[in-house]
PDB file of N, CA and C in Angstrom:
ATOM      1  N   MET A   1      12.406  -5.283  13.089  1.00  0.00           N
ATOM      2  CA  MET A   1      13.793  -5.181  13.459  1.00  0.00           C
ATOM      3  C   MET A   1      13.935  -4.141  14.569  1.00  0.00           C
ATOM      4  N   THR A   2      14.800  -4.387  15.480  1.00  0.00           N
ATOM      5  CA  THR A   2      14.996  -3.444  16.586  1.00  0.00           C
ATOM      6  C   THR A   2      15.851  -2.265  16.126  1.00  0.00           C
ATOM      7  N   LYS A   3      15.808  -1.199  16.921  1.00  0.00           N
ATOM      8  CA  LYS A   3      16.620  -0.018  16.615  1.00  0.00           C
ATOM      9  C   LYS A   3      18.098  -0.367  16.599  1.00  0.00           C
ATOM     10  N   THR A   4      18.514  -1.264  17.494  1.00  0.00           N
ATOM     11  CA  THR A   4      19.922  -1.644  17.562  1.00  0.00           C
ATOM     12  C   THR A   4      20.373  -2.295  16.256  1.00  0.00           C
ATOM     13  N   VAL A   5      19.577  -3.218  15.735  1.00  0.00           N
ATOM     14  CA  VAL A   5      19.929  -3.890  14.485  1.00  0.00           C
ATOM     15  C   VAL A   5      19.943  -2.875  13.344  1.00  0.00           C
ATOM     16  N   MET A   6      18.959  -1.984  13.308  1.00  0.00           N
ATOM     17  CA  MET A   6      18.919  -0.982  12.245  1.00  0.00           C
ATOM     18  C   MET A   6      20.122  -0.044  12.335  1.00  0.00           C
ATOM     19  N   MET A   7      20.536   0.303  13.547  1.00  0.00           N
ATOM     20  CA  MET A   7      21.708   1.147  13.725  1.00  0.00           C
ATOM     21  C   MET A   7      22.970   0.444  13.237  1.00  0.00           C
ATOM     22  N   MET A   8      23.100  -0.855  13.549  1.00  0.00           N
ATOM     23  CA  MET A   8      24.264  -1.614  13.106  1.00  0.00           C
ATOM     24  C   MET A   8      24.297  -1.697  11.587  1.00  0.00           C
ATOM     25  N   MET A   9      23.129  -1.889  10.973  1.00  0.00           N
ATOM     26  CA  MET A   9      23.072  -1.966   9.519  1.00  0.00           C
ATOM     27  C   MET A   9      23.446  -0.621   8.893  1.00  0.00           C
ATOM     28  N   ALA A  10      23.015   0.484   9.499  1.00  0.00           N
ATOM     29  CA  ALA A  10      23.379   1.813   9.007  1.00  0.00           C
ATOM     30  C   ALA A  10      24.880   2.034   9.117  1.00  0.00           C
ATOM     31  N   GLN A  11      25.472   1.597  10.230  1.00  0.00           N
ATOM     32  CA  GLN A  11      26.917   1.736  10.407  1.00  0.00           C
ATOM     33  C   GLN A  11      27.667   0.891   9.385  1.00  0.00           C
ATOM     34  N   LEU A  12      27.158  -0.302   9.110  1.00  0.00           N
ATOM     35  CA  LEU A  12      27.766  -1.168   8.102  1.00  0.00           C
ATOM     36  C   LEU A  12      27.722  -0.507   6.731  1.00  0.00           C
ATOM     37  N   THR A  13      26.578   0.066   6.390  1.00  0.00           N
ATOM     38  CA  THR A  13      26.448   0.757   5.107  1.00  0.00           C
ATOM     39  C   THR A  13      27.436   1.910   5.011  1.00  0.00           C
ATOM     40  N   THR A  14      27.535   2.701   6.060  1.00  0.00           N
ATOM     41  CA  THR A  14      28.471   3.821   6.080  1.00  0.00           C
ATOM     42  C   THR A  14      29.910   3.333   5.926  1.00  0.00           C
ATOM     43  N   ALA A  15      30.250   2.272   6.630  1.00  0.00           N
ATOM     44  CA  ALA A  15      31.614   1.728   6.554  1.00  0.00           C
ATOM     45  C   ALA A  15      31.945   1.248   5.148  1.00  0.00           C
ATOM     46  N   THR A  16      31.024   0.543   4.519  1.00  0.00           N
ATOM     47  CA  THR A  16      31.302   0.045   3.164  1.00  0.00           C
ATOM     48  C   THR A  16      31.383   1.200   2.164  1.00  0.00           C
ATOM     49  N   GLU A  17      30.575   2.242   2.355  1.00  0.00           N
ATOM     50  CA  GLU A  17      30.668   3.418   1.485  1.00  0.00           C
ATOM     51  C   GLU A  17      32.028   4.098   1.654  1.00  0.00           C
ATOM     52  N   GLN A  18      32.515   4.192   2.877  1.00  0.00           N
ATOM     53  CA  GLN A  18      33.815   4.811   3.131  1.00  0.00           C
ATOM     54  C   GLN A  18      34.940   3.997   2.503  1.00  0.00           C
ATOM     55  N   ILE A  19      34.836   2.680   2.566  1.00  0.00           N
ATOM     56  CA  ILE A  19      35.847   1.824   1.942  1.00  0.00           C
ATOM     57  C   ILE A  19      35.848   2.054   0.448  1.00  0.00           C
ATOM     58  N   ASP A  20      34.661   2.134  -0.155  1.00  0.00           N
ATOM     59  CA  ASP A  20      34.561   2.361  -1.599  1.00  0.00           C
ATOM     60  C   ASP A  20      35.158   3.713  -1.995  1.00  0.00           C
ATOM     61  N   LEU A  21      35.006   4.730  -1.136  1.00  0.00           N
ATOM     62  CA  LEU A  21      35.490   6.064  -1.452  1.00  0.00           C
ATOM     63  C   LEU A  21      36.994   6.221  -1.280  1.00  0.00           C
ATOM     64  N   THR A  22      37.590   5.444  -0.370  1.00  0.00           N
ATOM     65  CA  THR A  22      38.983   5.677  -0.021  1.00  0.00           C
ATOM     66  C   THR A  22      39.973   4.726  -0.677  1.00  0.00           C
ATOM     67  N   ALA A  23      39.518   3.662  -1.251  1.00  0.00           N
ATOM     68  CA  ALA A  23      40.462   2.696  -1.804  1.00  0.00           C
ATOM     69  C   ALA A  23      40.155   2.448  -3.278  1.00  0.00           C
ATOM     70  N   GLU A  24      41.224   2.465  -4.066  1.00  0.00           N
ATOM     71  CA  GLU A  24      41.045   2.197  -5.486  1.00  0.00           C
ATOM     72  C   GLU A  24      40.801   0.721  -5.743  1.00  0.00           C
ATOM     73  N   ASP A  25      41.489  -0.115  -5.021  1.00  0.00           N
ATOM     74  CA  ASP A  25      41.336  -1.553  -5.199  1.00  0.00           C
ATOM     75  C   ASP A  25      41.285  -2.195  -3.818  1.00  0.00           C
ATOM     76  N   SER A  26      40.154  -2.075  -3.179  1.00  0.00           N
ATOM     77  CA  SER A  26      40.052  -2.602  -1.817  1.00  0.00           C
ATOM     78  C   SER A  26      39.279  -3.911  -1.813  1.00  0.00           C
ATOM     79  N   ARG A  27      39.668  -4.731  -0.889  1.00  0.00           N
ATOM     80  CA  ARG A  27      38.954  -5.979  -0.682  1.00  0.00           C
ATOM     81  C   ARG A  27      38.664  -6.058   0.810  1.00  0.00           C
ATOM     82  N   CYS A  28      37.503  -6.569   1.103  1.00  0.00           N
ATOM     83  CA  CYS A  28      37.091  -6.565   2.501  1.00  0.00           C
ATOM     84  C   CYS A  28      36.248  -7.812   2.765  1.00  0.00           C
ATOM     85  N   ILE A  29      36.482  -8.415   3.884  1.00  0.00           N
ATOM     86  CA  ILE A  29      35.634  -9.511   4.356  1.00  0.00           C
ATOM     87  C   ILE A  29      35.024  -9.037   5.654  1.00  0.00           C
ATOM     88  N   LEU A  30      33.739  -9.115   5.728  1.00  0.00           N
ATOM     89  CA  LEU A  30      33.036  -8.681   6.929  1.00  0.00           C
ATOM     90  C   LEU A  30      32.140  -9.803   7.396  1.00  0.00           C
ATOM     91  N   LEU A  31      32.324 -10.204   8.617  1.00  0.00           N
ATOM     92  CA  LEU A  31      31.497 -11.237   9.217  1.00  0.00           C
ATOM     93  C   LEU A  31      30.691 -10.613  10.337  1.00  0.00           C
ATOM     94  N   LEU A  32      29.400 -10.809  10.300  1.00  0.00           N
ATOM     95  CA  LEU A  32      28.526 -10.252  11.325  1.00  0.00           C
ATOM     96  C   LEU A  32      27.844 -11.385  12.076  1.00  0.00           C
ATOM     97  N   ASP A  33      27.728 -11.217  13.349  1.00  0.00           N
ATOM     98  CA  ASP A  33      27.001 -12.178  14.170  1.00  0.00           C
ATOM     99  C   ASP A  33      25.960 -11.390  14.954  1.00  0.00           C
ATOM    100  N   PHE A  34      24.746 -11.406  14.449  1.00  0.00           N
ATOM    101  CA  PHE A  34      23.660 -10.745  15.156  1.00  0.00           C
ATOM    102  C   PHE A  34      23.174 -11.693  16.241  1.00  0.00           C
ATOM    103  N   ARG A  35      23.645 -11.499  17.438  1.00  0.00           N
ATOM    104  CA  ARG A  35      23.265 -12.361  18.545  1.00  0.00           C
ATOM    105  C   ARG A  35      21.773 -12.238  18.796  1.00  0.00           C
ATOM    106  N   LYS A  36      21.106 -13.380  18.884  1.00  0.00           N
ATOM    107  CA  LYS A  36      19.665 -13.429  19.131  1.00  0.00           C
ATOM    108  C   LYS A  36      18.876 -12.673  18.064  1.00  0.00           C
ATOM    109  N   ALA A  37      19.420 -12.630  16.843  1.00  0.00           N
ATOM    110  CA  ALA A  37      18.805 -11.832  15.777  1.00  0.00           C
ATOM    111  C   ALA A  37      17.381 -12.289  15.477  1.00  0.00           C
ATOM    112  N   TYR A  38      17.172 -13.577  15.342  1.00  0.00           N
ATOM    113  CA  TYR A  38      15.833 -14.057  14.988  1.00  0.00           C
ATOM    114  C   TYR A  38      14.829 -13.738  16.096  1.00  0.00           C
ATOM    115  N   ASP A  39      15.294 -13.701  17.329  1.00  0.00           N
ATOM    116  CA  ASP A  39      14.403 -13.409  18.456  1.00  0.00           C
ATOM    117  C   ASP A  39      13.916 -11.962  18.445  1.00  0.00           C
ATOM    118  N   THR A  40      14.642 -11.080  17.768  1.00  0.00           N
ATOM    119  CA  THR A  40      14.327  -9.657  17.836  1.00  0.00           C
ATOM    120  C   THR A  40      13.365  -9.185  16.751  1.00  0.00           C
ATOM    121  N   VAL A  41      13.033 -10.051  15.810  1.00  0.00           N
ATOM    122  CA  VAL A  41      12.196  -9.626  14.685  1.00  0.00           C
ATOM    123  C   VAL A  41      10.776  -9.327  15.163  1.00  0.00           C
ATOM    124  N   ASP A  42      10.304  -8.136  14.830  1.00  0.00           N
ATOM    125  CA  ASP A  42       8.917  -7.744  15.105  1.00  0.00           C
ATOM    126  C   ASP A  42       8.064  -8.340  13.991  1.00  0.00           C
ATOM    127  N   ARG A  43       7.180  -9.231  14.325  1.00  0.00           N
ATOM    128  CA  ARG A  43       6.404  -9.947  13.315  1.00  0.00           C
ATOM    129  C   ARG A  43       5.512  -9.026  12.496  1.00  0.00           C
ATOM    130  N   ASP A  44       4.870  -8.063  13.125  1.00  0.00           N
ATOM    131  CA  ASP A  44       4.027  -7.132  12.368  1.00  0.00           C
ATOM    132  C   ASP A  44       4.854  -6.353  11.356  1.00  0.00           C
ATOM    133  N   PHE A  45       6.054  -5.934  11.749  1.00  0.00           N
ATOM    134  CA  PHE A  45       6.960  -5.244  10.836  1.00  0.00           C
ATOM    135  C   PHE A  45       7.357  -6.163   9.688  1.00  0.00           C
ATOM    136  N   LEU A  46       7.619  -7.438   9.991  1.00  0.00           N
ATOM    137  CA  LEU A  46       7.978  -8.412   8.964  1.00  0.00           C
ATOM    138  C   LEU A  46       6.863  -8.544   7.940  1.00  0.00           C
ATOM    139  N   TYR A  47       5.627  -8.726   8.407  1.00  0.00           N
ATOM    140  CA  TYR A  47       4.508  -8.909   7.490  1.00  0.00           C
ATOM    141  C   TYR A  47       4.295  -7.679   6.622  1.00  0.00           C
ATOM    142  N   GLU A  48       4.410  -6.493   7.219  1.00  0.00           N
ATOM    143  CA  GLU A  48       4.240  -5.251   6.446  1.00  0.00           C
ATOM    144  C   GLU A  48       5.368  -5.092   5.424  1.00  0.00           C
ATOM    145  N   SER A  49       6.599  -5.451   5.813  1.00  0.00           N
ATOM    146  CA  SER A  49       7.722  -5.391   4.880  1.00  0.00           C
ATOM    147  C   SER A  49       7.496  -6.330   3.714  1.00  0.00           C
ATOM    148  N   MET A  50       6.979  -7.500   3.996  1.00  0.00           N
ATOM    149  CA  MET A  50       6.706  -8.467   2.926  1.00  0.00           C
ATOM    150  C   MET A  50       5.673  -7.907   1.953  1.00  0.00           C
ATOM    151  N   ARG A  51       4.659  -7.221   2.473  1.00  0.00           N
ATOM    152  CA  ARG A  51       3.665  -6.588   1.602  1.00  0.00           C
ATOM    153  C   ARG A  51       4.326  -5.542   0.703  1.00  0.00           C
ATOM    154  N   LEU A  52       5.181  -4.719   1.308  1.00  0.00           N
ATOM    155  CA  LEU A  52       5.850  -3.668   0.536  1.00  0.00           C
ATOM    156  C   LEU A  52       6.770  -4.246  -0.537  1.00  0.00           C
ATOM    157  N   PHE A  53       7.349  -5.425  -0.284  1.00  0.00           N
ATOM    158  CA  PHE A  53       8.208  -6.064  -1.268  1.00  0.00           C
ATOM    159  C   PHE A  53       7.420  -6.864  -2.301  1.00  0.00           C
ATOM    160  N   GLY A  54       6.103  -6.878  -2.168  1.00  0.00           N
ATOM    161  CA  GLY A  54       5.263  -7.508  -3.185  1.00  0.00           C
ATOM    162  C   GLY A  54       4.947  -8.976  -2.993  1.00  0.00           C
ATOM    163  N   PHE A  55       5.161  -9.514  -1.799  1.00  0.00           N
ATOM    164  CA  PHE A  55       4.777 -10.895  -1.543  1.00  0.00           C
ATOM    165  C   PHE A  55       3.257 -10.999  -1.576  1.00  0.00           C
ATOM    166  N   THR A  56       2.753 -12.137  -2.003  1.00  0.00           N
ATOM    167  CA  THR A  56       1.299 -12.316  -2.072  1.00  0.00           C
ATOM    168  C   THR A  56       0.729 -12.457  -0.667  1.00  0.00           C
ATOM    169  N   GLU A  57      -0.530 -12.084  -0.538  1.00  0.00           N
ATOM    170  CA  GLU A  57      -1.197 -12.199   0.769  1.00  0.00           C
ATOM    171  C   GLU A  57      -1.275 -13.650   1.214  1.00  0.00           C
ATOM    172  N   SER A  58      -1.420 -14.587   0.262  1.00  0.00           N
ATOM    173  CA  SER A  58      -1.499 -16.005   0.664  1.00  0.00           C
ATOM    174  C   SER A  58      -0.172 -16.472   1.249  1.00  0.00           C
ATOM    175  N   PHE A  59       0.962 -16.012   0.712  1.00  0.00           N
ATOM    176  CA  PHE A  59       2.258 -16.392   1.258  1.00  0.00           C
ATOM    177  C   PHE A  59       2.469 -15.725   2.620  1.00  0.00           C
ATOM    178  N   ILE A  60       2.102 -14.448   2.735  1.00  0.00           N
ATOM    179  CA  ILE A  60       2.229 -13.753   4.020  1.00  0.00           C
ATOM    180  C   ILE A  60       1.363 -14.439   5.064  1.00  0.00           C
ATOM    181  N   ASP A  61       0.160 -14.867   4.664  1.00  0.00           N
ATOM    182  CA  ASP A  61      -0.725 -15.575   5.590  1.00  0.00           C
ATOM    183  C   ASP A  61      -0.096 -16.894   6.041  1.00  0.00           C
ATOM    184  N   LEU A  62       0.561 -17.589   5.133  1.00  0.00           N
ATOM    185  CA  LEU A  62       1.245 -18.839   5.483  1.00  0.00           C
ATOM    186  C   LEU A  62       2.338 -18.575   6.522  1.00  0.00           C
ATOM    187  N   ILE A  63       3.144 -17.558   6.308  1.00  0.00           N
ATOM    188  CA  ILE A  63       4.206 -17.211   7.262  1.00  0.00           C
ATOM    189  C   ILE A  63       3.590 -16.826   8.608  1.00  0.00           C
ATOM    190  N   CYS A  64       2.497 -16.081   8.551  1.00  0.00           N
ATOM    191  CA  CYS A  64       1.804 -15.668   9.781  1.00  0.00           C
ATOM    192  C   CYS A  64       1.314 -16.897  10.552  1.00  0.00           C
ATOM    193  N   ARG A  65       0.717 -17.858   9.844  1.00  0.00           N
ATOM    194  CA  ARG A  65       0.211 -19.063  10.513  1.00  0.00           C
ATOM    195  C   ARG A  65       1.335 -19.903  11.107  1.00  0.00           C
ATOM    196  N   ILE A  66       2.483 -19.941  10.436  1.00  0.00           N
ATOM    197  CA  ILE A  66       3.633 -20.679  10.978  1.00  0.00           C
ATOM    198  C   ILE A  66       4.080 -20.080  12.311  1.00  0.00           C
ATOM    199  N   HIS A  67       3.937 -18.764  12.456  1.00  0.00           N
ATOM    200  CA  HIS A  67       4.437 -18.073  13.640  1.00  0.00           C
ATOM    201  C   HIS A  67       3.357 -17.763  14.668  1.00  0.00           C
ATOM    202  N   THR A  68       2.129 -18.168  14.419  1.00  0.00           N
ATOM    203  CA  THR A  68       1.035 -17.924  15.361  1.00  0.00           C
ATOM    204  C   THR A  68       0.931 -19.097  16.328  1.00  0.00           C
ATOM    205  N   GLY A  69       0.783 -18.789  17.592  1.00  0.00           N
ATOM    206  CA  GLY A  69       0.598 -19.841  18.598  1.00  0.00           C
ATOM    207  C   GLY A  69       1.865 -20.555  18.997  1.00  0.00           C
ATOM    208  N   THR A  70       3.022 -19.992  18.693  1.00  0.00           N
ATOM    209  CA  THR A  70       4.267 -20.642  19.066  1.00  0.00           C
ATOM    210  C   THR A  70       4.495 -20.513  20.572  1.00  0.00           C
ATOM    211  N   THR A  71       5.125 -21.521  21.121  1.00  0.00           N
ATOM    212  CA  THR A  71       5.404 -21.542  22.557  1.00  0.00           C
ATOM    213  C   THR A  71       6.839 -21.999  22.799  1.00  0.00           C
ATOM    214  N   ALA A  72       7.294 -21.754  23.988  1.00  0.00           N
ATOM    215  CA  ALA A  72       8.636 -22.202  24.397  1.00  0.00           C
ATOM    216  C   ALA A  72       8.539 -22.770  25.808  1.00  0.00           C
ATOM    217  N   THR A  73       9.368 -23.766  26.076  1.00  0.00           N
ATOM    218  CA  THR A  73       9.485 -24.305  27.432  1.00  0.00           C
ATOM    219  C   THR A  73      10.963 -24.255  27.827  1.00  0.00           C
ATOM    220  N   PHE A  74      11.189 -24.289  29.116  1.00  0.00           N
ATOM    221  CA  PHE A  74      12.550 -24.212  29.633  1.00  0.00           C
ATOM    222  C   PHE A  74      12.764 -25.346  30.629  1.00  0.00           C
ATOM    223  N   VAL A  75      13.972 -25.864  30.648  1.00  0.00           N
ATOM    224  CA  VAL A  75      14.336 -26.868  31.631  1.00  0.00           C
ATOM    225  C   VAL A  75      15.204 -26.176  32.688  1.00  0.00           C
ATOM    226  N   VAL A  76      14.716 -26.200  33.919  1.00  0.00           N
ATOM    227  CA  VAL A  76      15.427 -25.565  35.032  1.00  0.00           C
ATOM    228  C   VAL A  76      15.551 -26.592  36.151  1.00  0.00           C
ATOM    229  N   ASN A  77      16.772 -26.856  36.574  1.00  0.00           N
ATOM    230  CA  ASN A  77      17.035 -27.839  37.633  1.00  0.00           C
ATOM    231  C   ASN A  77      16.366 -29.179  37.339  1.00  0.00           C
ATOM    232  N   GLY A  78      16.405 -29.578  36.080  1.00  0.00           N
ATOM    233  CA  GLY A  78      15.864 -30.875  35.695  1.00  0.00           C
ATOM    234  C   GLY A  78      14.372 -30.902  35.469  1.00  0.00           C
ATOM    235  N   GLY A  79      13.675 -29.828  35.761  1.00  0.00           N
ATOM    236  CA  GLY A  79      12.227 -29.783  35.548  1.00  0.00           C
ATOM    237  C   GLY A  79      11.860 -28.874  34.393  1.00  0.00           C
ATOM    238  N   GLN A  80      10.836 -29.275  33.659  1.00  0.00           N
ATOM    239  CA  GLN A  80      10.404 -28.499  32.502  1.00  0.00           C
ATOM    240  C   GLN A  80       9.304 -27.518  32.889  1.00  0.00           C
ATOM    241  N   SER A  81       9.420 -26.294  32.406  1.00  0.00           N
ATOM    242  CA  SER A  81       8.408 -25.273  32.692  1.00  0.00           C
ATOM    243  C   SER A  81       7.163 -25.536  31.862  1.00  0.00           C
ATOM    244  N   SER A  82       6.095 -24.856  32.215  1.00  0.00           N
ATOM    245  CA  SER A  82       4.907 -24.911  31.371  1.00  0.00           C
ATOM    246  C   SER A  82       5.185 -24.085  30.116  1.00  0.00           C
ATOM    247  N   ALA A  83       4.401 -24.330  29.086  1.00  0.00           N
ATOM    248  CA  ALA A  83       4.597 -23.636  27.815  1.00  0.00           C
ATOM    249  C   ALA A  83       4.265 -22.149  27.963  1.00  0.00           C
ATOM    250  N   LEU A  84       5.156 -21.326  27.445  1.00  0.00           N
ATOM    251  CA  LEU A  84       4.966 -19.882  27.461  1.00  0.00           C
ATOM    252  C   LEU A  84       4.805 -19.388  26.031  1.00  0.00           C
ATOM    253  N   PRO A  85       3.889 -18.446  25.805  1.00  0.00           N
ATOM    254  CA  PRO A  85       3.703 -17.949  24.431  1.00  0.00           C
ATOM    255  C   PRO A  85       4.912 -17.152  23.950  1.00  0.00           C
ATOM    256  N   VAL A  86       5.229 -17.318  22.678  1.00  0.00           N
ATOM    257  CA  VAL A  86       6.306 -16.550  22.039  1.00  0.00           C
ATOM    258  C   VAL A  86       5.628 -15.595  21.072  1.00  0.00           C
ATOM    259  N   ARG A  87       5.775 -14.303  21.324  1.00  0.00           N
ATOM    260  CA  ARG A  87       5.043 -13.301  20.547  1.00  0.00           C
ATOM    261  C   ARG A  87       5.919 -12.499  19.594  1.00  0.00           C
ATOM    262  N   SER A  88       7.210 -12.744  19.595  1.00  0.00           N
ATOM    263  CA  SER A  88       8.086 -12.018  18.673  1.00  0.00           C
ATOM    264  C   SER A  88       9.131 -12.986  18.134  1.00  0.00           C
ATOM    265  N   GLY A  89       9.802 -12.563  17.112  1.00  0.00           N
ATOM    266  CA  GLY A  89      10.855 -13.388  16.536  1.00  0.00           C
ATOM    267  C   GLY A  89      10.335 -14.331  15.472  1.00  0.00           C
ATOM    268  N   ILE A  90      11.286 -14.969  14.807  1.00  0.00           N
ATOM    269  CA  ILE A  90      10.964 -15.985  13.812  1.00  0.00           C
ATOM    270  C   ILE A  90      11.541 -17.313  14.273  1.00  0.00           C
ATOM    271  N   ARG A  91      10.964 -18.388  13.770  1.00  0.00           N
ATOM    272  CA  ARG A  91      11.283 -19.722  14.267  1.00  0.00           C
ATOM    273  C   ARG A  91      12.739 -20.097  14.010  1.00  0.00           C
ATOM    274  N   GLN A  92      13.401 -20.546  15.057  1.00  0.00           N
ATOM    275  CA  GLN A  92      14.774 -21.031  14.958  1.00  0.00           C
ATOM    276  C   GLN A  92      14.769 -22.348  14.180  1.00  0.00           C
ATOM    277  N   GLY A  93      15.705 -22.521  13.281  1.00  0.00           N
ATOM    278  CA  GLY A  93      15.827 -23.764  12.547  1.00  0.00           C
ATOM    279  C   GLY A  93      14.930 -23.870  11.335  1.00  0.00           C
ATOM    280  N   CYS A  94      14.050 -22.911  11.140  1.00  0.00           N
ATOM    281  CA  CYS A  94      13.170 -22.912   9.977  1.00  0.00           C
ATOM    282  C   CYS A  94      14.002 -22.569   8.734  1.00  0.00           C
ATOM    283  N   PRO A  95      13.870 -23.333   7.654  1.00  0.00           N
ATOM    284  CA  PRO A  95      14.663 -23.026   6.449  1.00  0.00           C
ATOM    285  C   PRO A  95      14.387 -21.623   5.890  1.00  0.00           C
ATOM    286  N   LEU A  96      13.218 -21.083   6.177  1.00  0.00           N
ATOM    287  CA  LEU A  96      12.883 -19.736   5.696  1.00  0.00           C
ATOM    288  C   LEU A  96      13.438 -18.623   6.590  1.00  0.00           C
ATOM    289  N   ALA A  97      13.892 -18.962   7.788  1.00  0.00           N
ATOM    290  CA  ALA A  97      14.303 -17.948   8.767  1.00  0.00           C
ATOM    291  C   ALA A  97      15.343 -16.966   8.220  1.00  0.00           C
ATOM    292  N   PRO A  98      16.423 -17.417   7.580  1.00  0.00           N
ATOM    293  CA  PRO A  98      17.395 -16.434   7.072  1.00  0.00           C
ATOM    294  C   PRO A  98      16.787 -15.490   6.036  1.00  0.00           C
ATOM    295  N   LEU A  99      15.935 -16.025   5.173  1.00  0.00           N
ATOM    296  CA  LEU A  99      15.301 -15.186   4.154  1.00  0.00           C
ATOM    297  C   LEU A  99      14.344 -14.182   4.786  1.00  0.00           C
ATOM    298  N   LEU A 100      13.594 -14.632   5.790  1.00  0.00           N
ATOM    299  CA  LEU A 100      12.666 -13.732   6.469  1.00  0.00           C
ATOM    300  C   LEU A 100      13.411 -12.659   7.230  1.00  0.00           C
ATOM    301  N   PHE A 101      14.509 -13.029   7.857  1.00  0.00           N
ATOM    302  CA  PHE A 101      15.282 -12.056   8.637  1.00  0.00           C
ATOM    303  C   PHE A 101      15.824 -10.947   7.744  1.00  0.00           C
ATOM    304  N   TYR A 102      16.319 -11.309   6.578  1.00  0.00           N
ATOM    305  CA  TYR A 102      16.913 -10.311   5.703  1.00  0.00           C
ATOM    306  C   TYR A 102      15.908  -9.587   4.824  1.00  0.00           C
ATOM    307  N   SER A 103      14.628 -10.007   4.879  1.00  0.00           N
ATOM    308  CA  SER A 103      13.631  -9.273   4.096  1.00  0.00           C
ATOM    309  C   SER A 103      13.249  -8.042   4.859  1.00  0.00           C
TER     310      SER A 103
END
């Protein structure tokens, strides 16, 4: 996770603690949109976090293999670029992506 995301999460925690301290019966709805959030995930940090949370090495290896060798192409002026390696982030559209992001 980037410093920016960690700072936003710290601010969110502080805000919710302040709401809890100042209101006897407060209700709050908070919607967050982490723009390009999946793109910012540091994969090594993700794998180490999974170890700390007790995920098995075989599951971590599976996640690692899913994210190894990923590439992206771009269409510019009607032409497609050559494949470029993607070295950070988690796969967009993967059913596990939200769970991996929040781990």
